[in-house]
Amino acid sequence: MMNSSIETIRLPDILNEGCAASIRAKIQSSLDSGHRHILLDLSETRFIDSSGLGELAISFKSVRAVGGRLCFCAVGTQPSMLFELTGMEEVFEIFPTTEACLAALNS
């Protein structure tokens, strides 16, 4: 059974300064709508720059502040390397697939 407090947001192929603020707005809108767990689907995301990473970190903090969880799934090569190089793979909850993430959030 799917938990109605979970919202899935698919990130664009490039997450940079140009679109980072809109991602944060989508996450905030989900929180305002009562969703406490946000799943960010990175299956189409090929590149994240420092601005995009900063927005993800800010969003992570915002979700945690309301007692929620911000999870990442289907992280590709460049985003995965960025998370590793910056140590964010130790902070972010990262799952190989959407299904694995939903299973963890629903347990």
N, C-alpha and C. Protein backbone atom coordinates (compact mmCIF):
# COMPACT_ATOMS: atom_id res chain seq x y z
N MET A 1 0.85 -1.19 0.00
CA MET A 1 0.00 0.00 0.00
C MET A 1 0.88 1.24 0.00
N MET A 2 0.54 2.18 -0.83
CA MET A 2 1.33 3.39 -0.96
C MET A 2 0.92 4.39 0.12
N ASN A 3 1.90 4.97 0.75
CA ASN A 3 1.68 5.96 1.78
C ASN A 3 1.37 7.30 1.12
N SER A 4 0.23 7.90 1.46
CA SER A 4 -0.17 9.15 0.82
C SER A 4 0.70 10.33 1.24
N SER A 5 1.54 10.14 2.25
CA SER A 5 2.41 11.25 2.66
C SER A 5 3.70 11.28 1.84
N ILE A 6 3.81 10.39 0.83
CA ILE A 6 5.00 10.35 -0.01
C ILE A 6 4.71 11.03 -1.35
N GLU A 7 5.58 11.94 -1.73
CA GLU A 7 5.47 12.63 -3.02
C GLU A 7 6.72 12.31 -3.83
N THR A 8 6.54 11.94 -5.09
CA THR A 8 7.67 11.68 -5.97
C THR A 8 7.85 12.85 -6.92
N ILE A 9 9.07 13.35 -7.00
CA ILE A 9 9.41 14.46 -7.90
C ILE A 9 10.54 13.99 -8.80
N ARG A 10 10.30 14.05 -10.09
CA ARG A 10 11.33 13.67 -11.06
C ARG A 10 12.17 14.90 -11.37
N LEU A 11 13.48 14.79 -11.18
CA LEU A 11 14.37 15.91 -11.44
C LEU A 11 14.72 15.98 -12.93
N PRO A 12 15.05 17.17 -13.42
CA PRO A 12 15.39 17.33 -14.84
C PRO A 12 16.74 16.71 -15.18
N ASP A 13 17.07 16.66 -16.48
CA ASP A 13 18.33 16.05 -16.90
C ASP A 13 19.54 16.85 -16.42
N ILE A 14 19.40 18.16 -16.28
CA ILE A 14 20.47 19.00 -15.76
C ILE A 14 19.91 19.81 -14.60
N LEU A 15 20.52 19.67 -13.44
CA LEU A 15 20.10 20.41 -12.25
C LEU A 15 21.17 21.47 -11.97
N ASN A 16 20.84 22.71 -12.34
CA ASN A 16 21.79 23.80 -12.17
C ASN A 16 21.06 25.01 -11.60
N GLU A 17 21.74 26.14 -11.57
CA GLU A 17 21.16 27.36 -10.98
C GLU A 17 19.85 27.75 -11.66
N GLY A 18 19.76 27.49 -12.96
CA GLY A 18 18.57 27.87 -13.71
C GLY A 18 17.29 27.17 -13.28
N CYS A 19 17.40 25.96 -12.78
CA CYS A 19 16.19 25.22 -12.40
C CYS A 19 16.16 24.83 -10.92
N ALA A 20 17.24 25.10 -10.20
CA ALA A 20 17.33 24.65 -8.81
C ALA A 20 16.24 25.26 -7.93
N ALA A 21 15.96 26.55 -8.11
CA ALA A 21 14.94 27.19 -7.29
C ALA A 21 13.56 26.60 -7.54
N SER A 22 13.27 26.19 -8.78
CA SER A 22 11.96 25.60 -9.06
C SER A 22 11.83 24.23 -8.40
N ILE A 23 12.94 23.50 -8.28
CA ILE A 23 12.91 22.21 -7.57
C ILE A 23 12.59 22.45 -6.10
N ARG A 24 13.25 23.44 -5.50
CA ARG A 24 12.97 23.75 -4.10
C ARG A 24 11.51 24.16 -3.92
N ALA A 25 10.97 24.93 -4.87
CA ALA A 25 9.57 25.34 -4.80
C ALA A 25 8.64 24.14 -4.87
N LYS A 26 8.95 23.17 -5.73
CA LYS A 26 8.13 21.95 -5.83
C LYS A 26 8.16 21.18 -4.51
N ILE A 27 9.34 21.09 -3.92
CA ILE A 27 9.46 20.37 -2.65
C ILE A 27 8.69 21.10 -1.56
N GLN A 28 8.80 22.42 -1.52
CA GLN A 28 8.07 23.19 -0.51
C GLN A 28 6.57 23.06 -0.72
N SER A 29 6.13 23.06 -1.97
CA SER A 29 4.71 22.89 -2.27
C SER A 29 4.21 21.52 -1.79
N SER A 30 5.04 20.50 -1.97
CA SER A 30 4.68 19.16 -1.48
C SER A 30 4.54 19.16 0.04
N LEU A 31 5.48 19.82 0.71
CA LEU A 31 5.40 19.90 2.17
C LEU A 31 4.16 20.67 2.60
N ASP A 32 3.87 21.76 1.90
CA ASP A 32 2.69 22.56 2.22
C ASP A 32 1.40 21.78 2.01
N SER A 33 1.44 20.80 1.09
CA SER A 33 0.27 19.97 0.81
C SER A 33 0.13 18.80 1.78
N GLY A 34 1.05 18.70 2.73
CA GLY A 34 0.95 17.66 3.74
C GLY A 34 1.83 16.45 3.51
N HIS A 35 2.57 16.42 2.41
CA HIS A 35 3.49 15.31 2.17
C HIS A 35 4.71 15.50 3.08
N ARG A 36 5.08 14.46 3.78
CA ARG A 36 6.23 14.56 4.69
C ARG A 36 7.44 13.82 4.13
N HIS A 37 7.23 12.93 3.20
CA HIS A 37 8.33 12.18 2.61
C HIS A 37 8.39 12.50 1.12
N ILE A 38 9.55 12.94 0.68
CA ILE A 38 9.74 13.34 -0.70
C ILE A 38 10.77 12.40 -1.32
N LEU A 39 10.40 11.83 -2.45
CA LEU A 39 11.29 10.96 -3.21
C LEU A 39 11.72 11.71 -4.45
N LEU A 40 13.01 11.97 -4.57
CA LEU A 40 13.55 12.63 -5.75
C LEU A 40 14.08 11.57 -6.71
N ASP A 41 13.45 11.48 -7.86
CA ASP A 41 13.81 10.50 -8.89
C ASP A 41 14.84 11.15 -9.81
N LEU A 42 16.07 10.64 -9.78
CA LEU A 42 17.15 11.18 -10.60
C LEU A 42 17.43 10.32 -11.83
N SER A 43 16.47 9.50 -12.24
CA SER A 43 16.71 8.58 -13.35
C SER A 43 17.04 9.31 -14.65
N GLU A 44 16.59 10.54 -14.80
CA GLU A 44 16.88 11.29 -16.02
C GLU A 44 17.97 12.35 -15.82
N THR A 45 18.46 12.48 -14.59
CA THR A 45 19.43 13.53 -14.27
C THR A 45 20.85 13.09 -14.63
N ARG A 46 21.44 13.79 -15.59
CA ARG A 46 22.79 13.48 -16.06
C ARG A 46 23.85 14.34 -15.38
N PHE A 47 23.46 15.55 -14.91
CA PHE A 47 24.44 16.49 -14.39
C PHE A 47 23.83 17.36 -13.30
N ILE A 48 24.57 17.51 -12.21
CA ILE A 48 24.21 18.43 -11.12
C ILE A 48 25.42 19.31 -10.87
N ASP A 49 25.21 20.64 -10.88
CA ASP A 49 26.33 21.54 -10.56
C ASP A 49 26.26 21.94 -9.09
N SER A 50 27.16 22.81 -8.67
CA SER A 50 27.23 23.19 -7.25
C SER A 50 25.96 23.91 -6.79
N SER A 51 25.33 24.70 -7.66
CA SER A 51 24.08 25.36 -7.30
C SER A 51 22.98 24.33 -7.07
N GLY A 52 22.91 23.34 -7.95
CA GLY A 52 21.93 22.28 -7.80
C GLY A 52 22.13 21.49 -6.53
N LEU A 53 23.39 21.17 -6.24
CA LEU A 53 23.70 20.44 -5.01
C LEU A 53 23.32 21.26 -3.78
N GLY A 54 23.60 22.56 -3.83
CA GLY A 54 23.23 23.44 -2.72
C GLY A 54 21.73 23.45 -2.48
N GLU A 55 20.96 23.50 -3.56
CA GLU A 55 19.50 23.48 -3.42
C GLU A 55 19.03 22.15 -2.84
N LEU A 56 19.65 21.05 -3.25
CA LEU A 56 19.28 19.74 -2.69
C LEU A 56 19.57 19.69 -1.20
N ALA A 57 20.71 20.27 -0.79
CA ALA A 57 21.06 20.29 0.64
C ALA A 57 20.07 21.15 1.43
N ILE A 58 19.70 22.30 0.89
CA ILE A 58 18.73 23.18 1.55
C ILE A 58 17.38 22.47 1.66
N SER A 59 16.97 21.81 0.58
CA SER A 59 15.70 21.08 0.59
C SER A 59 15.73 19.93 1.59
N PHE A 60 16.86 19.23 1.65
CA PHE A 60 17.02 18.14 2.61
C PHE A 60 16.79 18.65 4.03
N LYS A 61 17.40 19.78 4.33
CA LYS A 61 17.26 20.39 5.67
C LYS A 61 15.81 20.81 5.93
N SER A 62 15.14 21.37 4.92
CA SER A 62 13.75 21.80 5.08
C SER A 62 12.83 20.64 5.37
N VAL A 63 13.03 19.54 4.65
CA VAL A 63 12.19 18.36 4.85
C VAL A 63 12.44 17.75 6.23
N ARG A 64 13.70 17.69 6.62
CA ARG A 64 14.03 17.15 7.95
C ARG A 64 13.45 18.02 9.07
N ALA A 65 13.39 19.33 8.83
CA ALA A 65 12.88 20.25 9.84
C ALA A 65 11.42 20.01 10.18
N VAL A 66 10.66 19.42 9.27
CA VAL A 66 9.25 19.12 9.54
C VAL A 66 9.05 17.64 9.87
N GLY A 67 10.15 16.94 10.13
CA GLY A 67 10.07 15.54 10.52
C GLY A 67 9.91 14.59 9.35
N GLY A 68 10.22 15.05 8.16
CA GLY A 68 10.08 14.21 6.98
C GLY A 68 11.40 13.62 6.53
N ARG A 69 11.34 12.93 5.41
CA ARG A 69 12.53 12.32 4.81
C ARG A 69 12.60 12.70 3.34
N LEU A 70 13.78 13.14 2.91
CA LEU A 70 14.04 13.41 1.50
C LEU A 70 14.96 12.31 1.02
N CYS A 71 14.46 11.52 0.08
CA CYS A 71 15.21 10.38 -0.42
C CYS A 71 15.50 10.54 -1.91
N PHE A 72 16.56 9.90 -2.35
CA PHE A 72 16.99 9.97 -3.73
C PHE A 72 17.00 8.56 -4.30
N CYS A 73 16.58 8.42 -5.57
CA CYS A 73 16.65 7.12 -6.20
C CYS A 73 17.13 7.25 -7.63
N ALA A 74 17.63 6.12 -8.15
CA ALA A 74 18.09 6.02 -9.54
C ALA A 74 19.14 7.10 -9.85
N VAL A 75 20.12 7.22 -8.98
CA VAL A 75 21.17 8.23 -9.13
C VAL A 75 22.19 7.75 -10.16
N GLY A 76 22.40 8.55 -11.20
CA GLY A 76 23.33 8.20 -12.26
C GLY A 76 24.78 8.46 -11.90
N THR A 77 25.65 8.29 -12.88
CA THR A 77 27.10 8.35 -12.66
C THR A 77 27.59 9.69 -12.15
N GLN A 78 27.31 10.78 -12.86
CA GLN A 78 27.84 12.09 -12.43
C GLN A 78 27.24 12.54 -11.09
N PRO A 79 25.90 12.47 -10.92
CA PRO A 79 25.37 12.84 -9.61
C PRO A 79 25.94 11.98 -8.48
N SER A 80 26.11 10.69 -8.74
CA SER A 80 26.66 9.80 -7.73
C SER A 80 28.09 10.20 -7.36
N MET A 81 28.89 10.53 -8.38
CA MET A 81 30.27 10.97 -8.13
C MET A 81 30.28 12.28 -7.34
N LEU A 82 29.39 13.20 -7.68
CA LEU A 82 29.30 14.47 -6.96
C LEU A 82 28.94 14.24 -5.50
N PHE A 83 27.94 13.38 -5.24
CA PHE A 83 27.55 13.08 -3.87
C PHE A 83 28.72 12.46 -3.10
N GLU A 84 29.47 11.58 -3.76
CA GLU A 84 30.61 10.93 -3.12
C GLU A 84 31.73 11.94 -2.82
N LEU A 85 32.07 12.75 -3.81
CA LEU A 85 33.17 13.72 -3.63
C LEU A 85 32.87 14.76 -2.55
N THR A 86 31.61 15.10 -2.39
CA THR A 86 31.23 16.11 -1.40
C THR A 86 30.83 15.51 -0.05
N GLY A 87 30.81 14.18 0.02
CA GLY A 87 30.42 13.52 1.27
C GLY A 87 28.91 13.46 1.49
N MET A 88 28.15 13.91 0.50
CA MET A 88 26.70 13.92 0.66
C MET A 88 26.07 12.53 0.61
N GLU A 89 26.80 11.54 0.07
CA GLU A 89 26.25 10.18 0.06
C GLU A 89 26.13 9.66 1.48
N GLU A 90 26.86 10.28 2.42
CA GLU A 90 26.75 9.90 3.84
C GLU A 90 25.57 10.61 4.52
N VAL A 91 25.06 11.66 3.89
CA VAL A 91 23.97 12.46 4.45
C VAL A 91 22.64 12.10 3.82
N PHE A 92 22.60 12.07 2.49
CA PHE A 92 21.38 11.78 1.76
C PHE A 92 21.02 10.31 1.86
N GLU A 93 19.71 10.03 1.86
CA GLU A 93 19.23 8.64 1.77
C GLU A 93 19.11 8.31 0.29
N ILE A 94 19.95 7.40 -0.19
CA ILE A 94 20.01 7.08 -1.61
C ILE A 94 19.63 5.61 -1.82
N PHE A 95 18.72 5.39 -2.77
CA PHE A 95 18.24 4.05 -3.08
C PHE A 95 18.46 3.76 -4.56
N PRO A 96 18.69 2.51 -4.91
CA PRO A 96 18.96 2.17 -6.32
C PRO A 96 17.74 2.36 -7.22
N THR A 97 16.54 2.12 -6.69
CA THR A 97 15.33 2.20 -7.49
C THR A 97 14.21 2.91 -6.72
N THR A 98 13.20 3.35 -7.46
CA THR A 98 12.02 3.94 -6.84
C THR A 98 11.35 2.94 -5.91
N GLU A 99 11.26 1.69 -6.37
CA GLU A 99 10.60 0.65 -5.59
C GLU A 99 11.30 0.42 -4.25
N ALA A 100 12.64 0.40 -4.26
CA ALA A 100 13.40 0.21 -3.02
C ALA A 100 13.16 1.36 -2.05
N CYS A 101 13.10 2.55 -2.59
CA CYS A 101 12.86 3.72 -1.75
C CYS A 101 11.45 3.68 -1.15
N LEU A 102 10.47 3.42 -1.99
CA LEU A 102 9.09 3.35 -1.49
C LEU A 102 8.92 2.26 -0.44
N ALA A 103 9.59 1.13 -0.64
CA ALA A 103 9.52 0.05 0.34
C ALA A 103 10.09 0.52 1.68
N ALA A 104 11.21 1.24 1.65
CA ALA A 104 11.82 1.74 2.88
C ALA A 104 10.93 2.78 3.56
N LEU A 105 10.33 3.67 2.77
CA LEU A 105 9.47 4.71 3.34
C LEU A 105 8.17 4.15 3.90
N ASN A 106 7.69 3.06 3.32
CA ASN A 106 6.44 2.46 3.76
C ASN A 106 6.62 1.48 4.91
N SER A 107 7.88 1.17 5.27
CA SER A 107 8.10 0.18 6.33
C SER A 107 8.05 0.80 7.71
